[in-house]
């Protein structure tokens, strides 16, 4: 997959990782202020011995993965088309 070389790879990664990290942090705080990880464990996986800290950690990383996938999908959709592909902005010939 060719990459737009006008933006350094560090800047691309930062544009994907930082917003998703920030939103995952906010969502984790809001979610776990309403839902107790122990109660969630008792409803979903009662046989596993998962403490609160591990519940918070797993929740954060799941939220981060979901917001990262959203950011990645947006980045994929906003990439410029390949030159010479013969298609316009919306996949139609001008």
PDB file of N, CA and C in Angstrom:
ATOM      1  N   UNK A   1       0.849  -1.170   0.000  1.00  0.00           N
ATOM      2  CA  UNK A   1       0.000   0.000   0.000  1.00  0.00           C
ATOM      3  C   UNK A   1       0.896   1.235   0.000  1.00  0.00           C
ATOM      4  N   UNK A   2       0.868   2.043  -1.050  1.00  0.00           N
ATOM      5  CA  UNK A   2       1.683   3.244  -1.095  1.00  0.00           C
ATOM      6  C   UNK A   2       1.205   4.249  -0.049  1.00  0.00           C
ATOM      7  N   UNK A   3       2.168   5.006   0.471  1.00  0.00           N
ATOM      8  CA  UNK A   3       1.886   5.962   1.518  1.00  0.00           C
ATOM      9  C   UNK A   3       2.169   7.362   1.006  1.00  0.00           C
ATOM     10  N   UNK A   4       1.388   8.330   1.481  1.00  0.00           N
ATOM     11  CA  UNK A   4       1.622   9.725   1.145  1.00  0.00           C
ATOM     12  C   UNK A   4       2.912  10.156   1.831  1.00  0.00           C
ATOM     13  N   UNK A   5       3.957  10.473   1.047  1.00  0.00           N
ATOM     14  CA  UNK A   5       5.254  10.783   1.627  1.00  0.00           C
ATOM     15  C   UNK A   5       5.363  12.217   2.097  1.00  0.00           C
ATOM     16  N   UNK A   6       4.319  13.029   1.938  1.00  0.00           N
ATOM     17  CA  UNK A   6       4.391  14.408   2.397  1.00  0.00           C
ATOM     18  C   UNK A   6       4.286  14.507   3.910  1.00  0.00           C
ATOM     19  N   UNK A   7       3.794  13.464   4.586  1.00  0.00           N
ATOM     20  CA  UNK A   7       3.658  13.461   6.038  1.00  0.00           C
ATOM     21  C   UNK A   7       4.547  12.355   6.614  1.00  0.00           C
ATOM     22  N   UNK A   8       5.431  12.699   7.566  1.00  0.00           N
ATOM     23  CA  UNK A   8       6.297  11.673   8.163  1.00  0.00           C
ATOM     24  C   UNK A   8       5.470  10.599   8.871  1.00  0.00           C
ATOM     25  N   UNK A   9       6.042   9.407   8.970  1.00  0.00           N
ATOM     26  CA  UNK A   9       5.343   8.271   9.576  1.00  0.00           C
ATOM     27  C   UNK A   9       5.016   8.550  11.043  1.00  0.00           C
ATOM     28  N   UNK A  10       5.886   9.285  11.752  1.00  0.00           N
ATOM     29  CA  UNK A  10       5.619   9.612  13.153  1.00  0.00           C
ATOM     30  C   UNK A  10       4.386  10.492  13.278  1.00  0.00           C
ATOM     31  N   UNK A  11       4.221  11.396  12.350  1.00  0.00           N
ATOM     32  CA  UNK A  11       3.053  12.271  12.374  1.00  0.00           C
ATOM     33  C   UNK A  11       1.781  11.492  12.037  1.00  0.00           C
ATOM     34  N   UNK A  12       1.875  10.549  11.120  1.00  0.00           N
ATOM     35  CA  UNK A  12       0.716   9.699  10.798  1.00  0.00           C
ATOM     36  C   UNK A  12       0.318   8.855  12.006  1.00  0.00           C
ATOM     37  N   UNK A  13       1.297   8.255  12.659  1.00  0.00           N
ATOM     38  CA  UNK A  13       1.006   7.441  13.840  1.00  0.00           C
ATOM     39  C   UNK A  13       0.433   8.288  14.969  1.00  0.00           C
ATOM     40  N   UNK A  14       0.990   9.473  15.166  1.00  0.00           N
ATOM     41  CA  UNK A  14       0.474  10.363  16.198  1.00  0.00           C
ATOM     42  C   UNK A  14      -0.950  10.793  15.924  1.00  0.00           C
ATOM     43  N   UNK A  15      -1.255  11.046  14.652  1.00  0.00           N
ATOM     44  CA  UNK A  15      -2.614  11.457  14.294  1.00  0.00           C
ATOM     45  C   UNK A  15      -3.616  10.323  14.490  1.00  0.00           C
ATOM     46  N   UNK A  16      -3.159   9.088  14.444  1.00  0.00           N
ATOM     47  CA  UNK A  16      -4.044   7.944  14.678  1.00  0.00           C
ATOM     48  C   UNK A  16      -4.109   7.560  16.151  1.00  0.00           C
ATOM     49  N   UNK A  17      -2.961   7.505  16.808  1.00  0.00           N
ATOM     50  CA  UNK A  17      -2.898   6.976  18.171  1.00  0.00           C
ATOM     51  C   UNK A  17      -3.356   7.959  19.239  1.00  0.00           C
ATOM     52  N   UNK A  18      -2.956   9.237  19.129  1.00  0.00           N
ATOM     53  CA  UNK A  18      -3.275  10.178  20.194  1.00  0.00           C
ATOM     54  C   UNK A  18      -4.774  10.419  20.353  1.00  0.00           C
ATOM     55  N   UNK A  19      -5.532  10.743  19.300  1.00  0.00           N
ATOM     56  CA  UNK A  19      -6.973  10.962  19.505  1.00  0.00           C
ATOM     57  C   UNK A  19      -7.682   9.712  20.020  1.00  0.00           C
ATOM     58  N   UNK A  20      -7.301   8.548  19.522  1.00  0.00           N
ATOM     59  CA  UNK A  20      -7.953   7.321  19.985  1.00  0.00           C
ATOM     60  C   UNK A  20      -7.598   7.034  21.441  1.00  0.00           C
ATOM     61  N   UNK A  21      -6.361   7.315  21.852  1.00  0.00           N
ATOM     62  CA  UNK A  21      -5.950   7.144  23.251  1.00  0.00           C
ATOM     63  C   UNK A  21      -6.741   8.081  24.155  1.00  0.00           C
ATOM     64  N   UNK A  22      -6.860   9.325  23.750  1.00  0.00           N
ATOM     65  CA  UNK A  22      -7.580  10.321  24.545  1.00  0.00           C
ATOM     66  C   UNK A  22      -9.046   9.944  24.708  1.00  0.00           C
ATOM     67  N   UNK A  23      -9.701   9.594  23.617  1.00  0.00           N
ATOM     68  CA  UNK A  23     -11.120   9.230  23.665  1.00  0.00           C
ATOM     69  C   UNK A  23     -11.313   7.946  24.474  1.00  0.00           C
ATOM     70  N   UNK A  24     -10.413   6.983  24.323  1.00  0.00           N
ATOM     71  CA  UNK A  24     -10.518   5.744  25.103  1.00  0.00           C
ATOM     72  C   UNK A  24     -10.405   6.039  26.594  1.00  0.00           C
ATOM     73  N   UNK A  25      -9.539   6.969  26.973  1.00  0.00           N
ATOM     74  CA  UNK A  25      -9.424   7.348  28.370  1.00  0.00           C
ATOM     75  C   UNK A  25     -10.697   7.972  28.907  1.00  0.00           C
ATOM     76  N   UNK A  26     -11.289   8.866  28.140  1.00  0.00           N
ATOM     77  CA  UNK A  26     -12.527   9.517  28.556  1.00  0.00           C
ATOM     78  C   UNK A  26     -13.670   8.504  28.640  1.00  0.00           C
ATOM     79  N   UNK A  27     -13.788   7.657  27.632  1.00  0.00           N
ATOM     80  CA  UNK A  27     -14.854   6.652  27.620  1.00  0.00           C
ATOM     81  C   UNK A  27     -14.688   5.663  28.773  1.00  0.00           C
ATOM     82  N   UNK A  28     -13.444   5.302  29.081  1.00  0.00           N
ATOM     83  CA  UNK A  28     -13.198   4.386  30.198  1.00  0.00           C
ATOM     84  C   UNK A  28     -13.657   4.990  31.514  1.00  0.00           C
ATOM     85  N   UNK A  29     -13.339   6.261  31.736  1.00  0.00           N
ATOM     86  CA  UNK A  29     -13.756   6.934  32.971  1.00  0.00           C
ATOM     87  C   UNK A  29     -15.274   6.991  33.061  1.00  0.00           C
ATOM     88  N   UNK A  30     -15.927   7.374  31.974  1.00  0.00           N
ATOM     89  CA  UNK A  30     -17.391   7.474  31.990  1.00  0.00           C
ATOM     90  C   UNK A  30     -18.026   6.097  32.174  1.00  0.00           C
ATOM     91  N   UNK A  31     -17.554   5.113  31.431  1.00  0.00           N
ATOM     92  CA  UNK A  31     -18.129   3.772  31.501  1.00  0.00           C
ATOM     93  C   UNK A  31     -17.987   3.169  32.895  1.00  0.00           C
ATOM     94  N   UNK A  32     -16.772   3.250  33.454  1.00  0.00           N
ATOM     95  CA  UNK A  32     -16.546   2.617  34.749  1.00  0.00           C
ATOM     96  C   UNK A  32     -17.015   3.473  35.921  1.00  0.00           C
ATOM     97  N   UNK A  33     -17.460   4.688  35.659  1.00  0.00           N
ATOM     98  CA  UNK A  33     -18.128   5.430  36.732  1.00  0.00           C
ATOM     99  C   UNK A  33     -19.573   4.955  36.879  1.00  0.00           C
ATOM    100  N   UNK A  34     -20.085   4.286  35.865  1.00  0.00           N
ATOM    101  CA  UNK A  34     -21.451   3.753  35.901  1.00  0.00           C
ATOM    102  C   UNK A  34     -21.448   2.251  36.175  1.00  0.00           C
ATOM    103  N   UNK A  35     -20.517   1.531  35.561  1.00  0.00           N
ATOM    104  CA  UNK A  35     -20.457   0.068  35.639  1.00  0.00           C
ATOM    105  C   UNK A  35     -19.265  -0.355  36.496  1.00  0.00           C
ATOM    106  N   UNK A  36     -19.496  -1.214  37.470  1.00  0.00           N
ATOM    107  CA  UNK A  36     -18.423  -1.769  38.291  1.00  0.00           C
ATOM    108  C   UNK A  36     -17.819  -2.974  37.561  1.00  0.00           C
ATOM    109  N   UNK A  37     -16.483  -3.030  37.410  1.00  0.00           N
ATOM    110  CA  UNK A  37     -15.875  -4.154  36.694  1.00  0.00           C
ATOM    111  C   UNK A  37     -16.166  -5.507  37.345  1.00  0.00           C
ATOM    112  N   UNK A  38     -16.300  -5.537  38.668  1.00  0.00           N
ATOM    113  CA  UNK A  38     -16.602  -6.795  39.345  1.00  0.00           C
ATOM    114  C   UNK A  38     -18.020  -7.259  39.001  1.00  0.00           C
ATOM    115  N   UNK A  39     -18.969  -6.325  38.978  1.00  0.00           N
ATOM    116  CA  UNK A  39     -20.338  -6.677  38.594  1.00  0.00           C
ATOM    117  C   UNK A  39     -20.391  -7.131  37.141  1.00  0.00           C
ATOM    118  N   UNK A  40     -19.627  -6.480  36.284  1.00  0.00           N
ATOM    119  CA  UNK A  40     -19.577  -6.878  34.876  1.00  0.00           C
ATOM    120  C   UNK A  40     -18.987  -8.274  34.735  1.00  0.00           C
ATOM    121  N   UNK A  41     -17.948  -8.566  35.508  1.00  0.00           N
ATOM    122  CA  UNK A  41     -17.350  -9.905  35.491  1.00  0.00           C
ATOM    123  C   UNK A  41     -18.349 -10.954  35.962  1.00  0.00           C
ATOM    124  N   UNK A  42     -19.100 -10.638  37.025  1.00  0.00           N
ATOM    125  CA  UNK A  42     -20.068 -11.598  37.560  1.00  0.00           C
ATOM    126  C   UNK A  42     -21.178 -11.902  36.555  1.00  0.00           C
ATOM    127  N   UNK A  43     -21.512 -10.940  35.718  1.00  0.00           N
ATOM    128  CA  UNK A  43     -22.555 -11.144  34.715  1.00  0.00           C
ATOM    129  C   UNK A  43     -22.014 -11.920  33.511  1.00  0.00           C
ATOM    130  N   UNK A  44     -20.783 -11.616  33.100  1.00  0.00           N
ATOM    131  CA  UNK A  44     -20.265 -12.176  31.850  1.00  0.00           C
ATOM    132  C   UNK A  44     -19.423 -13.435  32.050  1.00  0.00           C
ATOM    133  N   UNK A  45     -18.419 -13.381  32.922  1.00  0.00           N
ATOM    134  CA  UNK A  45     -17.504 -14.505  33.133  1.00  0.00           C
ATOM    135  C   UNK A  45     -17.356 -14.776  34.624  1.00  0.00           C
ATOM    136  N   UNK A  46     -18.362 -15.354  35.258  1.00  0.00           N
ATOM    137  CA  UNK A  46     -18.292 -15.537  36.718  1.00  0.00           C
ATOM    138  C   UNK A  46     -17.204 -16.512  37.170  1.00  0.00           C
ATOM    139  N   UNK A  47     -16.754 -17.401  36.301  1.00  0.00           N
ATOM    140  CA  UNK A  47     -15.747 -18.382  36.713  1.00  0.00           C
ATOM    141  C   UNK A  47     -14.327 -17.801  36.721  1.00  0.00           C
ATOM    142  N   UNK A  48     -14.106 -16.670  36.052  1.00  0.00           N
ATOM    143  CA  UNK A  48     -12.770 -16.067  36.012  1.00  0.00           C
ATOM    144  C   UNK A  48     -12.540 -15.179  37.226  1.00  0.00           C
ATOM    145  N   UNK A  49     -11.325 -15.201  37.723  1.00  0.00           N
ATOM    146  CA  UNK A  49     -10.950 -14.348  38.843  1.00  0.00           C
ATOM    147  C   UNK A  49     -10.264 -13.092  38.301  1.00  0.00           C
ATOM    148  N   UNK A  50     -11.071 -12.107  37.959  1.00  0.00           N
ATOM    149  CA  UNK A  50     -10.563 -10.842  37.422  1.00  0.00           C
ATOM    150  C   UNK A  50     -10.843  -9.754  38.455  1.00  0.00           C
ATOM    151  N   UNK A  51      -9.789  -9.055  38.862  1.00  0.00           N
ATOM    152  CA  UNK A  51      -9.936  -7.973  39.821  1.00  0.00           C
ATOM    153  C   UNK A  51     -10.346  -6.671  39.141  1.00  0.00           C
ATOM    154  N   UNK A  52     -10.577  -5.662  39.952  1.00  0.00           N
ATOM    155  CA  UNK A  52     -10.980  -4.359  39.413  1.00  0.00           C
ATOM    156  C   UNK A  52      -9.911  -3.758  38.506  1.00  0.00           C
ATOM    157  N   UNK A  53      -8.658  -3.806  38.941  1.00  0.00           N
ATOM    158  CA  UNK A  53      -7.584  -3.193  38.161  1.00  0.00           C
ATOM    159  C   UNK A  53      -7.460  -3.836  36.783  1.00  0.00           C
ATOM    160  N   UNK A  54      -7.535  -5.162  36.742  1.00  0.00           N
ATOM    161  CA  UNK A  54      -7.470  -5.844  35.449  1.00  0.00           C
ATOM    162  C   UNK A  54      -8.705  -5.524  34.605  1.00  0.00           C
ATOM    163  N   UNK A  55      -9.845  -5.396  35.248  1.00  0.00           N
ATOM    164  CA  UNK A  55     -11.064  -5.011  34.522  1.00  0.00           C
ATOM    165  C   UNK A  55     -10.943  -3.631  33.906  1.00  0.00           C
ATOM    166  N   UNK A  56     -10.390  -2.678  34.685  1.00  0.00           N
ATOM    167  CA  UNK A  56     -10.171  -1.328  34.146  1.00  0.00           C
ATOM    168  C   UNK A  56      -9.187  -1.359  32.984  1.00  0.00           C
ATOM    169  N   UNK A  57      -8.119  -2.147  33.145  1.00  0.00           N
ATOM    170  CA  UNK A  57      -7.095  -2.228  32.098  1.00  0.00           C
ATOM    171  C   UNK A  57      -7.648  -2.845  30.823  1.00  0.00           C
ATOM    172  N   UNK A  58      -8.337  -3.971  30.961  1.00  0.00           N
ATOM    173  CA  UNK A  58      -8.925  -4.612  29.774  1.00  0.00           C
ATOM    174  C   UNK A  58      -9.954  -3.703  29.108  1.00  0.00           C
ATOM    175  N   UNK A  59     -10.762  -3.043  29.915  1.00  0.00           N
ATOM    176  CA  UNK A  59     -11.750  -2.118  29.356  1.00  0.00           C
ATOM    177  C   UNK A  59     -11.098  -0.991  28.585  1.00  0.00           C
ATOM    178  N   UNK A  60     -10.035  -0.404  29.166  1.00  0.00           N
ATOM    179  CA  UNK A  60      -9.340   0.684  28.470  1.00  0.00           C
ATOM    180  C   UNK A  60      -8.787   0.212  27.136  1.00  0.00           C
ATOM    181  N   UNK A  61      -8.108  -0.944  27.135  1.00  0.00           N
ATOM    182  CA  UNK A  61      -7.519  -1.400  25.879  1.00  0.00           C
ATOM    183  C   UNK A  61      -8.578  -1.803  24.849  1.00  0.00           C
ATOM    184  N   UNK A  62      -9.708  -2.315  25.285  1.00  0.00           N
ATOM    185  CA  UNK A  62     -10.789  -2.600  24.334  1.00  0.00           C
ATOM    186  C   UNK A  62     -11.357  -1.307  23.753  1.00  0.00           C
ATOM    187  N   UNK A  63     -11.549  -0.294  24.607  1.00  0.00           N
ATOM    188  CA  UNK A  63     -12.018   0.996  24.100  1.00  0.00           C
ATOM    189  C   UNK A  63     -10.980   1.628  23.182  1.00  0.00           C
ATOM    190  N   UNK A  64      -9.696   1.494  23.527  1.00  0.00           N
ATOM    191  CA  UNK A  64      -8.646   2.059  22.680  1.00  0.00           C
ATOM    192  C   UNK A  64      -8.605   1.352  21.337  1.00  0.00           C
ATOM    193  N   UNK A  65      -8.753   0.045  21.318  1.00  0.00           N
ATOM    194  CA  UNK A  65      -8.768  -0.696  20.062  1.00  0.00           C
ATOM    195  C   UNK A  65      -9.943  -0.277  19.186  1.00  0.00           C
ATOM    196  N   UNK A  66     -11.096  -0.088  19.799  1.00  0.00           N
ATOM    197  CA  UNK A  66     -12.264   0.304  18.999  1.00  0.00           C
ATOM    198  C   UNK A  66     -12.124   1.724  18.458  1.00  0.00           C
ATOM    199  N   UNK A  67     -11.609   2.661  19.264  1.00  0.00           N
ATOM    200  CA  UNK A  67     -11.448   4.026  18.757  1.00  0.00           C
ATOM    201  C   UNK A  67     -10.282   4.118  17.781  1.00  0.00           C
ATOM    202  N   UNK A  68      -9.261   3.286  17.968  1.00  0.00           N
ATOM    203  CA  UNK A  68      -8.162   3.253  17.005  1.00  0.00           C
ATOM    204  C   UNK A  68      -8.645   2.729  15.658  1.00  0.00           C
ATOM    205  N   UNK A  69      -9.492   1.708  15.672  1.00  0.00           N
ATOM    206  CA  UNK A  69     -10.008   1.186  14.401  1.00  0.00           C
ATOM    207  C   UNK A  69     -10.881   2.226  13.706  1.00  0.00           C
ATOM    208  N   UNK A  70     -11.605   3.009  14.474  1.00  0.00           N
ATOM    209  CA  UNK A  70     -12.401   4.090  13.884  1.00  0.00           C
ATOM    210  C   UNK A  70     -11.497   5.144  13.249  1.00  0.00           C
ATOM    211  N   UNK A  71     -10.432   5.537  13.949  1.00  0.00           N
ATOM    212  CA  UNK A  71      -9.492   6.518  13.397  1.00  0.00           C
ATOM    213  C   UNK A  71      -8.793   5.974  12.159  1.00  0.00           C
ATOM    214  N   UNK A  72      -8.422   4.703  12.195  1.00  0.00           N
ATOM    215  CA  UNK A  72      -7.753   4.096  11.045  1.00  0.00           C
ATOM    216  C   UNK A  72      -8.682   4.047   9.832  1.00  0.00           C
ATOM    217  N   UNK A  73      -9.936   3.701  10.058  1.00  0.00           N
ATOM    218  CA  UNK A  73     -10.893   3.651   8.958  1.00  0.00           C
ATOM    219  C   UNK A  73     -11.103   5.045   8.360  1.00  0.00           C
ATOM    220  N   UNK A  74     -11.180   6.070   9.199  1.00  0.00           N
ATOM    221  CA  UNK A  74     -11.310   7.446   8.701  1.00  0.00           C
ATOM    222  C   UNK A  74     -10.087   7.838   7.899  1.00  0.00           C
ATOM    223  N   UNK A  75      -8.889   7.480   8.384  1.00  0.00           N
ATOM    224  CA  UNK A  75      -7.657   7.806   7.666  1.00  0.00           C
ATOM    225  C   UNK A  75      -7.628   7.125   6.298  1.00  0.00           C
ATOM    226  N   UNK A  76      -8.075   5.878   6.241  1.00  0.00           N
ATOM    227  CA  UNK A  76      -8.105   5.153   4.970  1.00  0.00           C
ATOM    228  C   UNK A  76      -9.058   5.833   3.989  1.00  0.00           C
ATOM    229  N   UNK A  77     -10.211   6.265   4.496  1.00  0.00           N
ATOM    230  CA  UNK A  77     -11.181   6.912   3.612  1.00  0.00           C
ATOM    231  C   UNK A  77     -10.733   8.288   3.140  1.00  0.00           C
ATOM    232  N   UNK A  78      -9.918   8.987   3.907  1.00  0.00           N
ATOM    233  CA  UNK A  78      -9.508  10.342   3.552  1.00  0.00           C
ATOM    234  C   UNK A  78      -8.216  10.401   2.747  1.00  0.00           C
ATOM    235  N   UNK A  79      -7.590   9.258   2.488  1.00  0.00           N
ATOM    236  CA  UNK A  79      -6.368   9.272   1.690  1.00  0.00           C
ATOM    237  C   UNK A  79      -6.684   9.728   0.272  1.00  0.00           C
ATOM    238  N   UNK A  80      -5.753  10.460  -0.332  1.00  0.00           N
ATOM    239  CA  UNK A  80      -5.979  10.875  -1.720  1.00  0.00           C
ATOM    240  C   UNK A  80      -5.910   9.670  -2.654  1.00  0.00           C
ATOM    241  N   UNK A  81      -6.597   9.786  -3.792  1.00  0.00           N
ATOM    242  CA  UNK A  81      -6.564   8.711  -4.778  1.00  0.00           C
ATOM    243  C   UNK A  81      -5.196   8.615  -5.424  1.00  0.00           C
ATOM    244  N   UNK A  82      -4.917   7.490  -6.047  1.00  0.00           N
ATOM    245  CA  UNK A  82      -3.641   7.289  -6.721  1.00  0.00           C
ATOM    246  C   UNK A  82      -3.647   8.067  -8.030  1.00  0.00           C
ATOM    247  N   UNK A  83      -2.571   8.791  -8.324  1.00  0.00           N
ATOM    248  CA  UNK A  83      -2.525   9.516  -9.593  1.00  0.00           C
ATOM    249  C   UNK A  83      -2.530   8.548 -10.772  1.00  0.00           C
ATOM    250  N   UNK A  84      -3.260   8.901 -11.788  1.00  0.00           N
ATOM    251  CA  UNK A  84      -3.326   8.073 -12.976  1.00  0.00           C
ATOM    252  C   UNK A  84      -4.291   6.913 -12.862  1.00  0.00           C
ATOM    253  N   UNK A  85      -5.090   6.897 -11.796  1.00  0.00           N
ATOM    254  CA  UNK A  85      -6.029   5.788 -11.652  1.00  0.00           C
ATOM    255  C   UNK A  85      -7.240   5.965 -12.551  1.00  0.00           C
ATOM    256  N   UNK A  86      -7.436   7.184 -13.061  1.00  0.00           N
ATOM    257  CA  UNK A  86      -8.536   7.411 -13.987  1.00  0.00           C
ATOM    258  C   UNK A  86      -9.876   7.622 -13.312  1.00  0.00           C
ATOM    259  N   UNK A  87      -9.895   7.682 -12.024  1.00  0.00           N
ATOM    260  CA  UNK A  87     -11.164   7.900 -11.341  1.00  0.00           C
ATOM    261  C   UNK A  87     -11.128   9.236 -10.637  1.00  0.00           C
ATOM    262  N   UNK A  88     -12.280   9.832 -10.532  1.00  0.00           N
ATOM    263  CA  UNK A  88     -12.410  11.106  -9.848  1.00  0.00           C
ATOM    264  C   UNK A  88     -12.452  10.920  -8.340  1.00  0.00           C
ATOM    265  N   UNK A  89     -12.855  11.964  -7.646  1.00  0.00           N
ATOM    266  CA  UNK A  89     -12.869  11.949  -6.169  1.00  0.00           C
ATOM    267  C   UNK A  89     -13.784  10.875  -5.624  1.00  0.00           C
ATOM    268  N   UNK A  90     -14.899  10.610  -6.264  1.00  0.00           N
ATOM    269  CA  UNK A  90     -15.872   9.656  -5.759  1.00  0.00           C
ATOM    270  C   UNK A  90     -15.901   8.386  -6.592  1.00  0.00           C
ATOM    271  N   UNK A  91     -14.803   8.058  -7.249  1.00  0.00           N
ATOM    272  CA  UNK A  91     -14.716   6.831  -7.996  1.00  0.00           C
ATOM    273  C   UNK A  91     -15.314   6.890  -9.395  1.00  0.00           C
ATOM    274  N   UNK A  92     -15.697   8.083  -9.837  1.00  0.00           N
ATOM    275  CA  UNK A  92     -16.262   8.249 -11.189  1.00  0.00           C
ATOM    276  C   UNK A  92     -15.288   9.039 -12.041  1.00  0.00           C
ATOM    277  N   UNK A  93     -15.314   8.783 -13.307  1.00  0.00           N
ATOM    278  CA  UNK A  93     -14.506   9.571 -14.229  1.00  0.00           C
ATOM    279  C   UNK A  93     -15.109  10.957 -14.370  1.00  0.00           C
ATOM    280  N   UNK A  94     -14.257  11.998 -14.393  1.00  0.00           N
ATOM    281  CA  UNK A  94     -14.784  13.366 -14.530  1.00  0.00           C
ATOM    282  C   UNK A  94     -15.369  13.631 -15.877  1.00  0.00           C
TER     283      UNK A  94
END
